[in-house]
Protein backbone atom coordinates (compact mmCIF):
# COMPACT_ATOMS: atom_id res chain seq x y z
CA MET A 1 129.67 51.83 -82.44
CA LYS A 2 126.92 55.11 -82.84
CA ALA A 3 125.47 54.10 -79.54
CA LYS A 4 129.37 53.41 -77.56
CA MET A 5 129.86 57.07 -78.36
CA ASN A 6 126.69 58.32 -77.30
CA ASP A 7 127.08 56.50 -73.83
CA THR A 8 130.47 57.97 -73.44
CA LEU A 9 129.07 61.73 -74.38
CA GLU A 10 126.20 61.59 -72.36
CA ILE A 11 128.71 59.45 -69.43
CA PHE A 12 130.67 63.12 -69.81
CA ALA A 13 127.80 65.72 -70.17
CA THR A 14 126.50 64.22 -67.18
CA LEU A 15 129.81 64.75 -65.22
CA THR A 16 130.60 67.79 -65.97
CA GLY A 17 126.53 68.85 -66.13
CA ILE A 18 126.61 67.85 -62.75
CA ILE A 19 130.01 69.98 -61.46
CA ALA A 20 128.44 72.75 -62.63
CA VAL A 21 125.03 72.46 -60.90
CA PHE A 22 126.62 71.16 -57.94
CA LEU A 23 128.45 74.32 -58.29
CA GLN A 24 126.17 77.05 -58.89
CA ALA A 25 124.47 76.00 -55.76
CA ARG A 26 127.74 76.47 -54.09
CA GLU A 27 126.83 79.85 -55.52
CA LYS A 28 130.73 79.12 -56.98
CA ILE A 29 131.25 81.27 -60.55
CA THR A 30 133.71 78.01 -61.42
CA ALA A 31 130.33 76.48 -61.69
CA TRP A 32 129.99 78.66 -65.69
CA PRO A 33 132.93 76.98 -68.07
CA PHE A 34 131.52 73.25 -66.85
CA ALA A 35 127.64 74.29 -67.34
CA ILE A 36 129.21 75.61 -71.11
CA ILE A 37 130.85 72.09 -71.57
CA SER A 38 127.73 70.18 -70.81
CA VAL A 39 125.74 71.83 -72.38
CA ILE A 40 127.53 71.96 -76.24
CA VAL A 41 127.91 68.12 -75.46
CA LEU A 42 123.72 67.60 -74.50
CA ALA A 43 123.01 69.53 -77.47
CA TYR A 44 124.83 66.94 -80.09
CA ILE A 45 123.17 64.53 -77.74
CA PHE A 46 119.20 65.70 -78.75
CA TYR A 47 120.37 66.20 -81.82
CA SER A 48 121.02 62.65 -83.10
CA SER A 49 118.02 62.04 -80.67
CA ARG A 50 116.13 64.23 -82.66
CA LEU A 51 114.79 66.04 -79.51
CA TYR A 52 115.13 69.43 -81.10
CA SER A 53 113.52 71.17 -78.75
CA ASP A 54 116.39 70.40 -76.34
CA PHE A 55 118.85 70.62 -78.94
CA GLY A 56 117.48 74.58 -79.80
CA LEU A 57 117.48 75.23 -76.13
CA HIS A 58 121.11 74.03 -75.76
CA LEU A 59 122.59 75.95 -78.19
CA ILE A 60 120.56 79.02 -76.33
CA TYR A 61 122.10 78.27 -73.14
CA ILE A 62 125.59 78.28 -74.60
CA LEU A 63 124.76 82.20 -74.39
CA LEU A 64 122.82 82.17 -71.21
CA ASN A 65 125.67 80.05 -69.88
CA ILE A 66 127.99 83.15 -71.03
CA TYR A 67 125.44 85.97 -69.63
CA GLY A 68 124.95 84.10 -66.47
CA TRP A 69 128.69 83.97 -65.53
CA ILE A 70 129.47 87.71 -66.30
CA LEU A 71 126.44 88.48 -64.08
CA TRP A 72 127.58 86.86 -60.86
CA ARG A 73 130.92 88.41 -61.57
CA GLY A 74 129.34 91.96 -60.79
CA LYS A 75 131.09 94.72 -60.69
CA GLY A 76 135.13 94.10 -60.05
CA ASN A 77 137.37 91.16 -60.25
CA ASN A 78 136.98 89.62 -56.59
CA ASN A 79 135.04 85.87 -56.23
CA LYS A 80 131.80 87.05 -54.76
CA VAL A 81 128.70 86.53 -56.35
CA VAL A 82 126.13 89.12 -56.60
CA PRO A 83 123.41 88.19 -54.18
CA THR A 84 120.38 86.51 -54.28
CA GLN A 85 116.98 88.25 -55.08
CA ILE A 86 113.01 87.04 -54.84
CA MET A 87 110.63 87.74 -57.67
CA GLY A 88 107.50 89.61 -57.31
CA VAL A 89 104.24 88.52 -57.66
CA LYS A 90 104.73 90.27 -61.42
CA SER A 91 107.57 88.90 -62.28
CA MET A 92 106.39 85.48 -61.50
CA ALA A 93 103.24 85.99 -63.69
CA ILE A 94 105.46 87.04 -66.49
CA ALA A 95 107.66 83.79 -66.12
CA VAL A 96 104.33 81.52 -66.03
CA VAL A 97 102.84 83.27 -69.23
CA THR A 98 105.90 83.50 -70.83
CA ILE A 99 106.40 79.43 -70.49
CA THR A 100 102.82 78.17 -71.45
CA ILE A 101 102.90 80.64 -74.40
CA SER A 102 105.74 78.94 -75.60
CA THR A 103 105.21 75.49 -74.71
CA ILE A 104 102.00 75.81 -76.97
CA THR A 105 103.75 77.61 -79.63
CA ILE A 106 107.17 75.21 -79.75
CA GLY A 107 105.59 72.05 -78.99
CA PHE A 108 102.43 72.99 -81.82
CA LEU A 109 105.69 73.69 -84.71
CA MET A 110 107.80 71.10 -83.70
CA HIS A 111 103.82 68.13 -84.12
CA LYS A 112 103.50 70.33 -87.90
CA TYR A 113 107.00 70.79 -89.12
CA THR A 114 109.37 68.34 -87.59
CA ASP A 115 109.12 64.41 -86.76
CA ALA A 116 109.68 65.23 -83.02
CA GLU A 117 108.31 62.74 -80.95
CA LEU A 118 106.71 64.05 -77.10
CA PHE A 119 107.00 67.90 -78.54
CA TYR A 120 104.87 68.98 -75.99
CA PHE A 121 107.01 67.78 -73.46
CA ASP A 122 109.63 68.78 -75.30
CA ALA A 123 108.64 72.09 -75.54
CA PHE A 124 107.95 72.46 -72.14
CA THR A 125 111.03 71.55 -70.58
CA THR A 126 112.48 73.93 -73.57
CA SER A 127 110.28 77.09 -71.92
CA GLY A 128 110.48 75.81 -68.60
CA SER A 129 114.89 75.43 -68.66
CA LEU A 130 114.87 78.89 -70.54
CA VAL A 131 113.11 80.48 -68.26
CA ALA A 132 114.84 78.74 -65.25
CA GLN A 133 118.59 79.71 -66.79
CA TYR A 134 117.45 83.02 -67.46
CA LEU A 135 116.27 83.33 -63.81
CA LEU A 136 119.36 81.52 -62.36
CA ALA A 137 121.44 83.73 -63.93
CA LYS A 138 119.94 86.52 -62.97
CA LYS A 139 119.81 85.15 -59.43
CA TYR A 140 116.36 84.97 -58.44
CA LEU A 141 116.20 81.72 -55.45
CA GLN A 142 113.07 80.63 -57.56
CA ASN A 143 114.96 79.46 -60.58
CA TRP A 144 115.31 76.20 -58.38
CA LEU A 145 111.60 75.56 -57.98
CA LEU A 146 111.05 76.02 -61.77
CA TRP A 147 113.98 73.52 -62.44
CA ILE A 148 112.73 71.20 -59.69
CA ILE A 149 109.51 71.16 -62.23
CA VAL A 150 111.43 70.57 -64.77
CA ASP A 151 113.22 67.73 -63.84
CA LEU A 152 110.09 65.78 -62.84
CA VAL A 153 108.94 66.05 -66.32
CA ALA A 154 111.98 66.10 -68.10
CA ILE A 155 113.21 62.60 -66.09
CA PRO A 156 110.55 60.29 -67.27
CA MET A 157 110.46 61.83 -71.10
CA TYR A 158 114.29 60.73 -71.01
CA LEU A 159 113.48 57.25 -69.72
CA TYR A 160 111.49 56.84 -72.48
CA LYS A 161 113.80 57.62 -75.07
CA GLY A 162 116.16 55.11 -73.22
CA LEU A 163 118.85 58.23 -72.39
CA TYR A 164 119.61 57.07 -69.60
CA TYR A 165 122.44 58.73 -68.39
CA VAL A 166 120.89 61.75 -69.19
CA SER A 167 118.04 60.73 -66.84
CA PHE A 168 120.07 59.77 -64.52
CA LEU A 169 121.80 63.10 -64.79
CA PHE A 170 117.97 65.15 -64.00
CA VAL A 171 117.25 62.95 -61.21
CA THR A 172 120.51 64.46 -59.68
CA TYR A 173 119.76 67.61 -60.81
CA LEU A 174 116.42 67.56 -58.80
CA ILE A 175 118.75 66.57 -55.71
CA ILE A 176 121.00 68.97 -56.68
CA CYS A 177 118.05 71.94 -57.33
CA SER A 178 116.38 70.88 -53.82
CA TYR A 179 119.65 71.86 -52.19
CA GLY A 180 120.25 74.72 -54.22
CA TYR A 181 117.34 76.34 -52.81
CA LEU A 182 117.64 75.52 -49.12
CA SER A 183 121.45 76.57 -49.51
CA TRP A 184 120.58 80.15 -51.25
CA LYS A 185 117.37 80.52 -49.21
CA LYS A 186 119.30 79.76 -45.63
CA GLY A 187 122.23 81.76 -47.10
CA MET A 188 120.97 84.89 -48.08
CA ASP A 189 122.77 87.53 -46.62
CA THR A 190 120.77 90.56 -48.35
CA LEU A 191 117.21 90.28 -49.62
CA VAL A 192 116.30 92.09 -52.59
CA VAL A 193 112.76 91.80 -54.14
CA ASP A 194 112.34 92.34 -57.58
CA LYS A 195 108.92 93.85 -57.42
């Protein structure tokens, strides 16, 4: 019975997640409510699968999705989102160092103090996803490249854990993230570079 319930929840999280990422790739503000619903359901799934880093990640995602929703609206009530930005070298270096340190720290803590499995891979997907979600909220073009890397690590991890619908979700994310990068890059009216 529990397996059947988890399958239903995985399918629901998959569908709402695909809708959210597709709408984000299309730069639609309506993406954010779908994202919030998807991450709440995924948080439950990851907790029950003992992927605690991913569980914690999805709790933080709720806040980051609210933050992104607010930022994308900008100032005013229209449906136009804020312009896409390009990260500078300093910002990219900060992102890489943040991911590296947090991956090592979270992976070590999960290994030492929990019964977590695949702790360093799980820690990387957590750390990379947090940074990527922040970059998405800030509308940095490079968020899509980081999401692609995270997806490439997450897919085999979820397959190994038997989370087939979540694996399918991340394969779909991989495709949509590639589309998102090309779409955002092509549609950039105003080039804003972060130093």
